[in-house]
Amino acid sequence: MDASQSISSNIAEGYCRKSITEYLHFLDIALGSSGELMTRLIGLKVTEKINQGFFEEFDILHYEMENKLLALKKSLQEKQTTGNWDTIIHEPSGDYKI
């Protein structure tokens, strides 16, 4: 499902923007995609395209992932408040051919 790929893509895009405000924005988009994915799975369960056992396993994993995203968002909001956001690339530049 496109929504599941959208979650990880938005997390990565937000991080790569190197702006805490944009990162938080993309985390919100990822959370929205997470809700969309859950809604689609509920529809599949209701129409009996997936069984109850699969849905329950998915629901547990979805809950864990969503809570980790919310914890990341909370942590970033705290960094935003304290001004503790490091945008410096720490890898040695010699590792890449320019």
C-alpha atoms as a PDB file:
ATOM      1  CA  MET A   1       0.000   0.000   0.000  1.00  0.00           C
ATOM      2  CA  ASP A   2       1.230   3.448  -0.861  1.00  0.00           C
ATOM      3  CA  ALA A   3       0.445   4.773   2.629  1.00  0.00           C
ATOM      4  CA  SER A   4       2.928   2.380   4.240  1.00  0.00           C
ATOM      5  CA  GLN A   5       5.761   3.550   1.965  1.00  0.00           C
ATOM      6  CA  SER A   6       4.745   7.145   2.567  1.00  0.00           C
ATOM      7  CA  ILE A   7       5.413   6.789   6.304  1.00  0.00           C
ATOM      8  CA  SER A   8       9.114   5.971   5.983  1.00  0.00           C
ATOM      9  CA  SER A   9       9.579   8.302   3.012  1.00  0.00           C
ATOM     10  CA  ASN A  10       8.225  11.286   4.934  1.00  0.00           C
ATOM     11  CA  ILE A  11      10.355  10.518   7.990  1.00  0.00           C
ATOM     12  CA  ALA A  12      13.459  10.407   5.777  1.00  0.00           C
ATOM     13  CA  GLU A  13      12.544  13.525   3.819  1.00  0.00           C
ATOM     14  CA  GLY A  14      11.850  15.503   6.971  1.00  0.00           C
ATOM     15  CA  TYR A  15      15.164  14.493   8.511  1.00  0.00           C
ATOM     16  CA  CYS A  16      17.094  15.363   5.360  1.00  0.00           C
ATOM     17  CA  ARG A  17      15.624  18.874   5.311  1.00  0.00           C
ATOM     18  CA  LYS A  18      17.897  19.671   8.315  1.00  0.00           C
ATOM     19  CA  SER A  19      15.254  21.971   9.770  1.00  0.00           C
ATOM     20  CA  ILE A  20      13.506  20.917  12.956  1.00  0.00           C
ATOM     21  CA  THR A  21      10.327  22.719  11.891  1.00  0.00           C
ATOM     22  CA  GLU A  22      10.240  20.877   8.573  1.00  0.00           C
ATOM     23  CA  TYR A  23      11.148  17.589  10.249  1.00  0.00           C
ATOM     24  CA  LEU A  24       8.189  17.971  12.592  1.00  0.00           C
ATOM     25  CA  HIS A  25       5.957  18.826   9.632  1.00  0.00           C
ATOM     26  CA  PHE A  26       6.981  15.665   7.777  1.00  0.00           C
ATOM     27  CA  LEU A  27       6.477  13.590  10.932  1.00  0.00           C
ATOM     28  CA  ASP A  28       2.917  14.889  11.024  1.00  0.00           C
ATOM     29  CA  ILE A  29       2.480  13.803   7.412  1.00  0.00           C
ATOM     30  CA  ALA A  30       3.894  10.368   8.321  1.00  0.00           C
ATOM     31  CA  LEU A  31       1.411  10.120  11.193  1.00  0.00           C
ATOM     32  CA  GLY A  32      -1.384  10.994   8.764  1.00  0.00           C
ATOM     33  CA  SER A  33      -0.228   8.230   6.434  1.00  0.00           C
ATOM     34  CA  SER A  34      -0.210   5.876   9.404  1.00  0.00           C
ATOM     35  CA  GLY A  35      -3.855   6.712  10.057  1.00  0.00           C
ATOM     36  CA  GLU A  36      -4.647   6.208   6.381  1.00  0.00           C
ATOM     37  CA  LEU A  37      -2.981   2.793   6.430  1.00  0.00           C
ATOM     38  CA  MET A  38      -4.946   1.715   9.494  1.00  0.00           C
ATOM     39  CA  THR A  39      -8.187   2.856   7.868  1.00  0.00           C
ATOM     40  CA  ARG A  40      -7.403   0.760   4.787  1.00  0.00           C
ATOM     41  CA  LEU A  41      -6.687  -2.301   6.927  1.00  0.00           C
ATOM     42  CA  ILE A  42      -9.955  -1.835   8.807  1.00  0.00           C
ATOM     43  CA  GLY A  43     -11.725  -1.778   5.450  1.00  0.00           C
ATOM     44  CA  LEU A  44      -9.975  -4.996   4.409  1.00  0.00           C
ATOM     45  CA  LYS A  45     -11.003  -6.627   7.683  1.00  0.00           C
ATOM     46  CA  VAL A  46     -14.617  -5.503   7.332  1.00  0.00           C
ATOM     47  CA  THR A  47     -14.799  -6.844   3.767  1.00  0.00           C
ATOM     48  CA  GLU A  48     -13.124 -10.063   4.959  1.00  0.00           C
ATOM     49  CA  LYS A  49     -10.133  -9.688   2.635  1.00  0.00           C
ATOM     50  CA  ILE A  50      -7.849 -10.295   5.647  1.00  0.00           C
ATOM     51  CA  ASN A  51      -8.477 -12.465   8.671  1.00  0.00           C
ATOM     52  CA  GLN A  52      -8.801 -11.330  12.274  1.00  0.00           C
ATOM     53  CA  GLY A  53      -5.424 -12.786  13.276  1.00  0.00           C
ATOM     54  CA  PHE A  54      -3.555 -10.814  10.612  1.00  0.00           C
ATOM     55  CA  PHE A  55      -5.434  -7.659  11.565  1.00  0.00           C
ATOM     56  CA  GLU A  56      -4.589  -8.084  15.246  1.00  0.00           C
ATOM     57  CA  GLU A  57      -0.877  -8.576  14.469  1.00  0.00           C
ATOM     58  CA  PHE A  58      -0.926  -5.500  12.256  1.00  0.00           C
ATOM     59  CA  ASP A  59      -2.771  -3.490  14.902  1.00  0.00           C
ATOM     60  CA  ILE A  60      -0.073  -4.259  17.500  1.00  0.00           C
ATOM     61  CA  LEU A  61       2.758  -3.285  15.145  1.00  0.00           C
ATOM     62  CA  HIS A  62       0.885  -0.183  14.011  1.00  0.00           C
ATOM     63  CA  TYR A  63       0.342   0.903  17.621  1.00  0.00           C
ATOM     64  CA  GLU A  64       4.048   0.450  18.435  1.00  0.00           C
ATOM     65  CA  MET A  65       5.186   2.351  15.333  1.00  0.00           C
ATOM     66  CA  GLU A  66       2.748   5.202  15.923  1.00  0.00           C
ATOM     67  CA  ASN A  67       3.859   5.560  19.549  1.00  0.00           C
ATOM     68  CA  LYS A  68       7.525   5.637  18.474  1.00  0.00           C
ATOM     69  CA  LEU A  69       6.717   8.377  15.973  1.00  0.00           C
ATOM     70  CA  LEU A  70       4.913  10.357  18.656  1.00  0.00           C
ATOM     71  CA  ALA A  71       7.871   9.934  21.034  1.00  0.00           C
ATOM     72  CA  LEU A  72      10.253  11.139  18.313  1.00  0.00           C
ATOM     73  CA  LYS A  73       8.025  14.140  17.684  1.00  0.00           C
ATOM     74  CA  LYS A  74       7.933  14.958  21.414  1.00  0.00           C
ATOM     75  CA  SER A  75      11.724  14.677  21.643  1.00  0.00           C
ATOM     76  CA  LEU A  76      12.194  16.988  18.667  1.00  0.00           C
ATOM     77  CA  GLN A  77       9.747  19.506  20.089  1.00  0.00           C
ATOM     78  CA  GLU A  78      11.815  19.559  23.295  1.00  0.00           C
ATOM     79  CA  LYS A  79      14.988  20.141  21.247  1.00  0.00           C
ATOM     80  CA  GLN A  80      13.203  22.913  19.382  1.00  0.00           C
ATOM     81  CA  THR A  81      12.249  24.555  22.673  1.00  0.00           C
ATOM     82  CA  THR A  82      15.777  24.342  24.106  1.00  0.00           C
ATOM     83  CA  GLY A  83      17.508  25.241  20.828  1.00  0.00           C
ATOM     84  CA  ASN A  84      19.493  21.983  20.934  1.00  0.00           C
ATOM     85  CA  TRP A  85      19.283  20.934  17.263  1.00  0.00           C
ATOM     86  CA  ASP A  86      22.522  19.935  15.573  1.00  0.00           C
ATOM     87  CA  THR A  87      22.580  20.276  11.765  1.00  0.00           C
ATOM     88  CA  ILE A  88      26.289  19.625  11.285  1.00  0.00           C
ATOM     89  CA  ILE A  89      27.256  16.535   9.281  1.00  0.00           C
ATOM     90  CA  HIS A  90      29.693  14.642  11.497  1.00  0.00           C
ATOM     91  CA  GLU A  91      31.116  12.168   8.980  1.00  0.00           C
ATOM     92  CA  PRO A  92      34.599  12.920   7.715  1.00  0.00           C
ATOM     93  CA  SER A  93      34.426  14.539   4.278  1.00  0.00           C
ATOM     94  CA  GLY A  94      37.249  12.284   3.042  1.00  0.00           C
ATOM     95  CA  ASP A  95      34.840   9.337   2.901  1.00  0.00           C
ATOM     96  CA  TYR A  96      33.103  10.740  -0.161  1.00  0.00           C
ATOM     97  CA  LYS A  97      34.518  11.510  -3.578  1.00  0.00           C
ATOM     98  CA  ILE A  98      33.453  14.963  -4.633  1.00  0.00           C
END
